[in-house]
Amino acid sequence: MGIIRSGFNLMLGTFFGIYIAQNYNVPNIHKMANAGVAIAKSIEESYRKPKKRDVED
């Protein structure tokens, strides 16, 4: 009974997701994640300590 119930839940979730994606303006999560990573990298690079060979005494 567990396989039938979990299979039904999987199919129901898949059909619901397809319906939502086709009928509503759902943001592209992959593009948002890539933009967040790019922003985090730029912030990290701007606050990074200089390397020892770049520092002059």
C-alpha atoms as a PDB file:
ATOM      1  CA  MET A   1       0.000   0.000   0.000  1.00  0.00           C
ATOM      2  CA  GLY A   2       2.933   2.343   0.625  1.00  0.00           C
ATOM      3  CA  ILE A   3       4.179   2.186  -2.967  1.00  0.00           C
ATOM      4  CA  ILE A   4       0.750   3.003  -4.366  1.00  0.00           C
ATOM      5  CA  ARG A   5       0.283   5.904  -1.957  1.00  0.00           C
ATOM      6  CA  SER A   6       3.737   7.391  -2.596  1.00  0.00           C
ATOM      7  CA  GLY A   7       3.323   6.901  -6.357  1.00  0.00           C
ATOM      8  CA  PHE A   8      -0.032   8.657  -6.215  1.00  0.00           C
ATOM      9  CA  ASN A   9       1.485  11.544  -4.259  1.00  0.00           C
ATOM     10  CA  LEU A  10       4.318  11.817  -6.774  1.00  0.00           C
ATOM     11  CA  MET A  11       1.922  11.885  -9.742  1.00  0.00           C
ATOM     12  CA  LEU A  12      -0.386  14.367  -8.026  1.00  0.00           C
ATOM     13  CA  GLY A  13       2.531  16.685  -7.211  1.00  0.00           C
ATOM     14  CA  THR A  14       3.879  16.433 -10.754  1.00  0.00           C
ATOM     15  CA  PHE A  15       0.533  17.264 -12.345  1.00  0.00           C
ATOM     16  CA  PHE A  16      -0.039  20.116  -9.910  1.00  0.00           C
ATOM     17  CA  GLY A  17       3.430  21.532 -10.681  1.00  0.00           C
ATOM     18  CA  ILE A  18       2.834  21.314 -14.426  1.00  0.00           C
ATOM     19  CA  TYR A  19      -0.517  23.067 -14.061  1.00  0.00           C
ATOM     20  CA  ILE A  20       0.979  25.873 -11.949  1.00  0.00           C
ATOM     21  CA  ALA A  21       3.942  26.341 -14.316  1.00  0.00           C
ATOM     22  CA  GLN A  22       1.690  26.590 -17.371  1.00  0.00           C
ATOM     23  CA  ASN A  23      -0.988  28.865 -15.930  1.00  0.00           C
ATOM     24  CA  TYR A  24       0.908  31.213 -13.617  1.00  0.00           C
ATOM     25  CA  ASN A  25       4.009  33.382 -13.934  1.00  0.00           C
ATOM     26  CA  VAL A  26       6.457  31.289 -11.896  1.00  0.00           C
ATOM     27  CA  PRO A  27       9.999  32.707 -11.586  1.00  0.00           C
ATOM     28  CA  ASN A  28      12.907  30.676 -12.928  1.00  0.00           C
ATOM     29  CA  ILE A  29      14.662  29.455  -9.785  1.00  0.00           C
ATOM     30  CA  HIS A  30      17.821  28.432 -11.665  1.00  0.00           C
ATOM     31  CA  LYS A  31      18.356  31.978 -12.985  1.00  0.00           C
ATOM     32  CA  MET A  32      17.690  33.466  -9.543  1.00  0.00           C
ATOM     33  CA  ALA A  33      20.190  31.098  -7.922  1.00  0.00           C
ATOM     34  CA  ASN A  34      22.859  31.930 -10.513  1.00  0.00           C
ATOM     35  CA  ALA A  35      22.310  35.647  -9.945  1.00  0.00           C
ATOM     36  CA  GLY A  36      22.627  35.155  -6.182  1.00  0.00           C
ATOM     37  CA  VAL A  37      25.884  33.247  -6.592  1.00  0.00           C
ATOM     38  CA  ALA A  38      27.276  35.973  -8.871  1.00  0.00           C
ATOM     39  CA  ILE A  39      26.377  38.676  -6.338  1.00  0.00           C
ATOM     40  CA  ALA A  40      27.918  36.658  -3.492  1.00  0.00           C
ATOM     41  CA  LYS A  41      31.135  36.172  -5.486  1.00  0.00           C
ATOM     42  CA  SER A  42      31.427  39.887  -6.237  1.00  0.00           C
ATOM     43  CA  ILE A  43      30.859  40.791  -2.580  1.00  0.00           C
ATOM     44  CA  GLU A  44      33.399  38.200  -1.458  1.00  0.00           C
ATOM     45  CA  GLU A  45      35.999  39.475  -3.930  1.00  0.00           C
ATOM     46  CA  SER A  46      35.506  43.105  -2.878  1.00  0.00           C
ATOM     47  CA  TYR A  47      36.016  42.309   0.833  1.00  0.00           C
ATOM     48  CA  ARG A  48      38.809  39.770   0.377  1.00  0.00           C
ATOM     49  CA  LYS A  49      42.112  40.454   2.150  1.00  0.00           C
ATOM     50  CA  PRO A  50      44.986  41.272  -0.180  1.00  0.00           C
ATOM     51  CA  LYS A  51      47.542  38.542  -0.757  1.00  0.00           C
ATOM     52  CA  LYS A  52      50.868  38.864   1.066  1.00  0.00           C
ATOM     53  CA  ARG A  53      52.862  39.367  -2.147  1.00  0.00           C
ATOM     54  CA  ASP A  54      50.575  42.286  -3.115  1.00  0.00           C
ATOM     55  CA  VAL A  55      51.213  44.128   0.162  1.00  0.00           C
ATOM     56  CA  GLU A  56      54.276  46.392   0.109  1.00  0.00           C
ATOM     57  CA  ASP A  57      56.224  47.111   3.322  1.00  0.00           C
END
